Amino acid sequence: MMPGPFELIIILVIVLLLFGGKRLKNIGGDLGGAIKGFKKSMKESESDKIDNKDTVIDAKVIKEEETK
């Protein structure tokens, strides 16, 4: 059950009384910066993926002779 507009206003007033306007503004700015940094790192990790199928590595399997 979602709270109605009256309940949201009461919650907002309580939060403002507990934290104050300036501190709430700082928390909001920090949260926004964290979200922005997370999105930026997600974009960078997608561009870091190497999908180059032109590189072929040749390998030989060499059997060791058993010594008795």
PDB file of N, CA and C in Angstrom:
ATOM      1  N   MET A   1       0.840  -1.171   0.000  1.00  0.00           N
ATOM      2  CA  MET A   1       0.000   0.000   0.000  1.00  0.00           C
ATOM      3  C   MET A   1       0.894   1.247   0.000  1.00  0.00           C
ATOM      4  N   MET A   2       0.693   2.097  -0.964  1.00  0.00           N
ATOM      5  CA  MET A   2       1.493   3.309  -1.098  1.00  0.00           C
ATOM      6  C   MET A   2       0.942   4.404  -0.179  1.00  0.00           C
ATOM      7  N   PRO A   3       1.849   5.176   0.417  1.00  0.00           N
ATOM      8  CA  PRO A   3       1.370   6.296   1.247  1.00  0.00           C
ATOM      9  C   PRO A   3       0.787   7.394   0.358  1.00  0.00           C
ATOM     10  N   GLY A   4      -0.229   8.039   0.865  1.00  0.00           N
ATOM     11  CA  GLY A   4      -0.874   9.121   0.129  1.00  0.00           C
ATOM     12  C   GLY A   4      -0.087  10.412   0.235  1.00  0.00           C
ATOM     13  N   PRO A   5      -0.543  11.465  -0.407  1.00  0.00           N
ATOM     14  CA  PRO A   5       0.178  12.744  -0.385  1.00  0.00           C
ATOM     15  C   PRO A   5       0.289  13.341   1.021  1.00  0.00           C
ATOM     16  N   PHE A   6      -0.746  13.167   1.838  1.00  0.00           N
ATOM     17  CA  PHE A   6      -0.705  13.709   3.194  1.00  0.00           C
ATOM     18  C   PHE A   6       0.371  13.009   4.025  1.00  0.00           C
ATOM     19  N   GLU A   7       0.481  11.677   3.881  1.00  0.00           N
ATOM     20  CA  GLU A   7       1.504  10.928   4.607  1.00  0.00           C
ATOM     21  C   GLU A   7       2.910  11.311   4.145  1.00  0.00           C
ATOM     22  N   LEU A   8       3.066  11.539   2.843  1.00  0.00           N
ATOM     23  CA  LEU A   8       4.378  11.944   2.312  1.00  0.00           C
ATOM     24  C   LEU A   8       4.801  13.304   2.865  1.00  0.00           C
ATOM     25  N   ILE A   9       3.852  14.223   2.998  1.00  0.00           N
ATOM     26  CA  ILE A   9       4.160  15.542   3.555  1.00  0.00           C
ATOM     27  C   ILE A   9       4.592  15.415   5.006  1.00  0.00           C
ATOM     28  N   ILE A  10       3.912  14.571   5.767  1.00  0.00           N
ATOM     29  CA  ILE A  10       4.288  14.360   7.171  1.00  0.00           C
ATOM     30  C   ILE A  10       5.694  13.768   7.266  1.00  0.00           C
ATOM     31  N   ILE A  11       5.996  12.785   6.418  1.00  0.00           N
ATOM     32  CA  ILE A  11       7.334  12.166   6.412  1.00  0.00           C
ATOM     33  C   ILE A  11       8.390  13.211   6.057  1.00  0.00           C
ATOM     34  N   LEU A  12       8.108  14.062   5.076  1.00  0.00           N
ATOM     35  CA  LEU A  12       9.056  15.101   4.671  1.00  0.00           C
ATOM     36  C   LEU A  12       9.313  16.089   5.801  1.00  0.00           C
ATOM     37  N   VAL A  13       8.271  16.483   6.515  1.00  0.00           N
ATOM     38  CA  VAL A  13       8.432  17.412   7.636  1.00  0.00           C
ATOM     39  C   VAL A  13       9.276  16.776   8.736  1.00  0.00           C
ATOM     40  N   ILE A  14       9.041  15.514   9.029  1.00  0.00           N
ATOM     41  CA  ILE A  14       9.832  14.826  10.065  1.00  0.00           C
ATOM     42  C   ILE A  14      11.300  14.739   9.654  1.00  0.00           C
ATOM     43  N   VAL A  15      11.551  14.411   8.401  1.00  0.00           N
ATOM     44  CA  VAL A  15      12.944  14.319   7.917  1.00  0.00           C
ATOM     45  C   VAL A  15      13.616  15.686   7.983  1.00  0.00           C
ATOM     46  N   LEU A  16      12.904  16.746   7.615  1.00  0.00           N
ATOM     47  CA  LEU A  16      13.472  18.092   7.691  1.00  0.00           C
ATOM     48  C   LEU A  16      13.789  18.484   9.134  1.00  0.00           C
ATOM     49  N   LEU A  17      12.911  18.105  10.065  1.00  0.00           N
ATOM     50  CA  LEU A  17      13.167  18.411  11.470  1.00  0.00           C
ATOM     51  C   LEU A  17      14.373  17.645  12.004  1.00  0.00           C
ATOM     52  N   LEU A  18      14.528  16.401  11.574  1.00  0.00           N
ATOM     53  CA  LEU A  18      15.642  15.584  12.066  1.00  0.00           C
ATOM     54  C   LEU A  18      16.983  16.031  11.489  1.00  0.00           C
ATOM     55  N   PHE A  19      17.030  16.259  10.185  1.00  0.00           N
ATOM     56  CA  PHE A  19      18.310  16.523   9.529  1.00  0.00           C
ATOM     57  C   PHE A  19      18.571  18.000   9.263  1.00  0.00           C
ATOM     58  N   GLY A  20      17.570  18.781   9.074  1.00  0.00           N
ATOM     59  CA  GLY A  20      17.767  20.182   8.727  1.00  0.00           C
ATOM     60  C   GLY A  20      17.921  20.348   7.230  1.00  0.00           C
ATOM     61  N   GLY A  21      17.654  21.538   6.744  1.00  0.00           N
ATOM     62  CA  GLY A  21      17.678  21.796   5.306  1.00  0.00           C
ATOM     63  C   GLY A  21      19.054  21.694   4.684  1.00  0.00           C
ATOM     64  N   LYS A  22      20.061  22.278   5.352  1.00  0.00           N
ATOM     65  CA  LYS A  22      21.405  22.286   4.779  1.00  0.00           C
ATOM     66  C   LYS A  22      21.993  20.882   4.702  1.00  0.00           C
ATOM     67  N   ARG A  23      21.816  20.137   5.777  1.00  0.00           N
ATOM     68  CA  ARG A  23      22.372  18.778   5.806  1.00  0.00           C
ATOM     69  C   ARG A  23      21.652  17.894   4.792  1.00  0.00           C
ATOM     70  N   LEU A  24      20.353  18.077   4.634  1.00  0.00           N
ATOM     71  CA  LEU A  24      19.581  17.305   3.670  1.00  0.00           C
ATOM     72  C   LEU A  24      20.038  17.620   2.247  1.00  0.00           C
ATOM     73  N   LYS A  25      20.357  18.891   2.000  1.00  0.00           N
ATOM     74  CA  LYS A  25      20.856  19.297   0.680  1.00  0.00           C
ATOM     75  C   LYS A  25      22.195  18.625   0.395  1.00  0.00           C
ATOM     76  N   ASN A  26      23.077  18.563   1.391  1.00  0.00           N
ATOM     77  CA  ASN A  26      24.377  17.915   1.212  1.00  0.00           C
ATOM     78  C   ASN A  26      24.221  16.423   0.949  1.00  0.00           C
ATOM     79  N   ILE A  27      23.304  15.794   1.672  1.00  0.00           N
ATOM     80  CA  ILE A  27      23.072  14.364   1.467  1.00  0.00           C
ATOM     81  C   ILE A  27      22.564  14.112   0.049  1.00  0.00           C
ATOM     82  N   GLY A  28      21.652  14.968  -0.419  1.00  0.00           N
ATOM     83  CA  GLY A  28      21.131  14.828  -1.783  1.00  0.00           C
ATOM     84  C   GLY A  28      22.213  15.005  -2.832  1.00  0.00           C
ATOM     85  N   GLY A  29      23.093  15.979  -2.622  1.00  0.00           N
ATOM     86  CA  GLY A  29      24.190  16.201  -3.564  1.00  0.00           C
ATOM     87  C   GLY A  29      25.167  15.035  -3.588  1.00  0.00           C
ATOM     88  N   ASP A  30      25.455  14.486  -2.407  1.00  0.00           N
ATOM     89  CA  ASP A  30      26.359  13.337  -2.336  1.00  0.00           C
ATOM     90  C   ASP A  30      25.749  12.114  -3.012  1.00  0.00           C
ATOM     91  N   LEU A  31      24.458  11.922  -2.803  1.00  0.00           N
ATOM     92  CA  LEU A  31      23.781  10.786  -3.419  1.00  0.00           C
ATOM     93  C   LEU A  31      23.753  10.941  -4.943  1.00  0.00           C
ATOM     94  N   GLY A  32      23.492  12.141  -5.426  1.00  0.00           N
ATOM     95  CA  GLY A  32      23.503  12.389  -6.867  1.00  0.00           C
ATOM     96  C   GLY A  32      24.876  12.163  -7.469  1.00  0.00           C
ATOM     97  N   GLY A  33      25.918  12.603  -6.767  1.00  0.00           N
ATOM     98  CA  GLY A  33      27.283  12.382  -7.254  1.00  0.00           C
ATOM     99  C   GLY A  33      27.640  10.909  -7.297  1.00  0.00           C
ATOM    100  N   ALA A  34      27.174  10.157  -6.309  1.00  0.00           N
ATOM    101  CA  ALA A  34      27.446   8.721  -6.283  1.00  0.00           C
ATOM    102  C   ALA A  34      26.754   8.010  -7.445  1.00  0.00           C
ATOM    103  N   ILE A  35      25.529   8.409  -7.728  1.00  0.00           N
ATOM    104  CA  ILE A  35      24.798   7.797  -8.842  1.00  0.00           C
ATOM    105  C   ILE A  35      25.473   8.147 -10.165  1.00  0.00           C
ATOM    106  N   LYS A  36      25.904   9.395 -10.300  1.00  0.00           N
ATOM    107  CA  LYS A  36      26.580   9.824 -11.527  1.00  0.00           C
ATOM    108  C   LYS A  36      27.891   9.054 -11.718  1.00  0.00           C
ATOM    109  N   GLY A  37      28.646   8.876 -10.640  1.00  0.00           N
ATOM    110  CA  GLY A  37      29.898   8.116 -10.719  1.00  0.00           C
ATOM    111  C   GLY A  37      29.659   6.660 -11.066  1.00  0.00           C
ATOM    112  N   PHE A  38      28.589   6.078 -10.512  1.00  0.00           N
ATOM    113  CA  PHE A  38      28.262   4.683 -10.814  1.00  0.00           C
ATOM    114  C   PHE A  38      27.923   4.522 -12.286  1.00  0.00           C
ATOM    115  N   LYS A  39      27.108   5.427 -12.824  1.00  0.00           N
ATOM    116  CA  LYS A  39      26.742   5.340 -14.240  1.00  0.00           C
ATOM    117  C   LYS A  39      27.965   5.504 -15.131  1.00  0.00           C
ATOM    118  N   LYS A  40      28.862   6.414 -14.745  1.00  0.00           N
ATOM    119  CA  LYS A  40      30.079   6.640 -15.531  1.00  0.00           C
ATOM    120  C   LYS A  40      30.960   5.395 -15.532  1.00  0.00           C
ATOM    121  N   SER A  41      31.100   4.745 -14.384  1.00  0.00           N
ATOM    122  CA  SER A  41      31.930   3.547 -14.319  1.00  0.00           C
ATOM    123  C   SER A  41      31.302   2.396 -15.098  1.00  0.00           C
ATOM    124  N   MET A  42      29.971   2.343 -15.136  1.00  0.00           N
ATOM    125  CA  MET A  42      29.312   1.295 -15.924  1.00  0.00           C
ATOM    126  C   MET A  42      29.559   1.501 -17.412  1.00  0.00           C
ATOM    127  N   LYS A  43      29.525   2.761 -17.865  1.00  0.00           N
ATOM    128  CA  LYS A  43      29.815   3.039 -19.278  1.00  0.00           C
ATOM    129  C   LYS A  43      31.256   2.698 -19.615  1.00  0.00           C
ATOM    130  N   GLU A  44      32.191   3.024 -18.709  1.00  0.00           N
ATOM    131  CA  GLU A  44      33.596   2.736 -18.949  1.00  0.00           C
ATOM    132  C   GLU A  44      33.845   1.240 -18.997  1.00  0.00           C
ATOM    133  N   SER A  45      33.176   0.476 -18.147  1.00  0.00           N
ATOM    134  CA  SER A  45      33.395  -0.969 -18.139  1.00  0.00           C
ATOM    135  C   SER A  45      32.851  -1.598 -19.424  1.00  0.00           C
ATOM    136  N   GLU A  46      31.785  -1.044 -19.984  1.00  0.00           N
ATOM    137  CA  GLU A  46      31.266  -1.559 -21.243  1.00  0.00           C
ATOM    138  C   GLU A  46      32.230  -1.271 -22.386  1.00  0.00           C
ATOM    139  N   SER A  47      32.885  -0.121 -22.361  1.00  0.00           N
ATOM    140  CA  SER A  47      33.818   0.212 -23.436  1.00  0.00           C
ATOM    141  C   SER A  47      35.149  -0.500 -23.255  1.00  0.00           C
ATOM    142  N   ASP A  48      35.433  -1.003 -22.060  1.00  0.00           N
ATOM    143  CA  ASP A  48      36.678  -1.727 -21.817  1.00  0.00           C
ATOM    144  C   ASP A  48      36.639  -3.150 -22.340  1.00  0.00           C
ATOM    145  N   LYS A  49      35.451  -3.660 -22.609  1.00  0.00           N
ATOM    146  CA  LYS A  49      35.344  -5.029 -23.097  1.00  0.00           C
ATOM    147  C   LYS A  49      36.021  -5.124 -24.456  1.00  0.00           C
ATOM    148  N   ILE A  50      36.853  -6.117 -24.604  1.00  0.00           N
ATOM    149  CA  ILE A  50      37.564  -6.312 -25.865  1.00  0.00           C
ATOM    150  C   ILE A  50      36.827  -7.385 -26.648  1.00  0.00           C
ATOM    151  N   ASP A  51      36.397  -7.031 -27.811  1.00  0.00           N
ATOM    152  CA  ASP A  51      35.677  -7.973 -28.660  1.00  0.00           C
ATOM    153  C   ASP A  51      36.397  -8.047 -30.001  1.00  0.00           C
ATOM    154  N   ASN A  52      37.668  -8.342 -29.948  1.00  0.00           N
ATOM    155  CA  ASN A  52      38.485  -8.398 -31.141  1.00  0.00           C
ATOM    156  C   ASN A  52      38.693  -9.854 -31.505  1.00  0.00           C
ATOM    157  N   LYS A  53      38.048 -10.307 -32.566  1.00  0.00           N
ATOM    158  CA  LYS A  53      38.146 -11.702 -32.978  1.00  0.00           C
ATOM    159  C   LYS A  53      39.230 -11.889 -34.029  1.00  0.00           C
ATOM    160  N   ASP A  54      39.967 -10.839 -34.371  1.00  0.00           N
ATOM    161  CA  ASP A  54      41.025 -10.946 -35.361  1.00  0.00           C
ATOM    162  C   ASP A  54      42.291 -11.578 -34.783  1.00  0.00           C
ATOM    163  N   THR A  55      42.440 -11.541 -33.484  1.00  0.00           N
ATOM    164  CA  THR A  55      43.639 -12.055 -32.859  1.00  0.00           C
ATOM    165  C   THR A  55      43.511 -13.567 -32.690  1.00  0.00           C
ATOM    166  N   VAL A  56      44.444 -14.294 -33.304  1.00  0.00           N
ATOM    167  CA  VAL A  56      44.456 -15.748 -33.204  1.00  0.00           C
ATOM    168  C   VAL A  56      45.780 -16.153 -32.589  1.00  0.00           C
ATOM    169  N   ILE A  57      45.703 -17.012 -31.617  1.00  0.00           N
ATOM    170  CA  ILE A  57      46.918 -17.495 -30.968  1.00  0.00           C
ATOM    171  C   ILE A  57      47.085 -18.958 -31.335  1.00  0.00           C
ATOM    172  N   ASP A  58      48.251 -19.298 -31.892  1.00  0.00           N
ATOM    173  CA  ASP A  58      48.545 -20.684 -32.224  1.00  0.00           C
ATOM    174  C   ASP A  58      49.188 -21.359 -31.031  1.00  0.00           C
ATOM    175  N   ALA A  59      48.779 -22.576 -30.793  1.00  0.00           N
ATOM    176  CA  ALA A  59      49.349 -23.329 -29.686  1.00  0.00           C
ATOM    177  C   ALA A  59      49.581 -24.759 -30.134  1.00  0.00           C
ATOM    178  N   LYS A  60      50.647 -25.348 -29.622  1.00  0.00           N
ATOM    179  CA  LYS A  60      50.956 -26.743 -29.926  1.00  0.00           C
ATOM    180  C   LYS A  60      50.928 -27.529 -28.629  1.00  0.00           C
ATOM    181  N   VAL A  61      50.404 -28.728 -28.709  1.00  0.00           N
ATOM    182  CA  VAL A  61      50.389 -29.616 -27.551  1.00  0.00           C
ATOM    183  C   VAL A  61      51.559 -30.577 -27.717  1.00  0.00           C
ATOM    184  N   ILE A  62      52.430 -30.578 -26.709  1.00  0.00           N
ATOM    185  CA  ILE A  62      53.608 -31.441 -26.762  1.00  0.00           C
ATOM    186  C   ILE A  62      53.462 -32.506 -25.685  1.00  0.00           C
ATOM    187  N   LYS A  63      53.550 -33.756 -26.118  1.00  0.00           N
ATOM    188  CA  LYS A  63      53.459 -34.850 -25.158  1.00  0.00           C
ATOM    189  C   LYS A  63      54.849 -35.133 -24.624  1.00  0.00           C
ATOM    190  N   GLU A  64      54.893 -35.322 -23.321  1.00  0.00           N
ATOM    191  CA  GLU A  64      56.163 -35.698 -22.713  1.00  0.00           C
ATOM    192  C   GLU A  64      56.314 -37.216 -22.825  1.00  0.00           C
ATOM    193  N   GLU A  65      57.525 -37.637 -23.131  1.00  0.00           N
ATOM    194  CA  GLU A  65      57.767 -39.067 -23.181  1.00  0.00           C
ATOM    195  C   GLU A  65      57.899 -39.579 -21.760  1.00  0.00           C
ATOM    196  N   GLU A  66      57.284 -40.724 -21.530  1.00  0.00           N
ATOM    197  CA  GLU A  66      57.357 -41.300 -20.200  1.00  0.00           C
ATOM    198  C   GLU A  66      58.719 -41.919 -19.980  1.00  0.00           C
ATOM    199  N   THR A  67      59.320 -41.657 -18.850  1.00  0.00           N
ATOM    200  CA  THR A  67      60.617 -42.248 -18.515  1.00  0.00           C
ATOM    201  C   THR A  67      60.376 -43.432 -17.594  1.00  0.00           C
ATOM    202  N   LYS A  68      61.055 -44.537 -17.888  1.00  0.00           N
ATOM    203  CA  LYS A  68      60.872 -45.749 -17.066  1.00  0.00           C
ATOM    204  C   LYS A  68      62.081 -46.043 -16.266  1.00  0.00           C
TER     205      LYS A  68
END
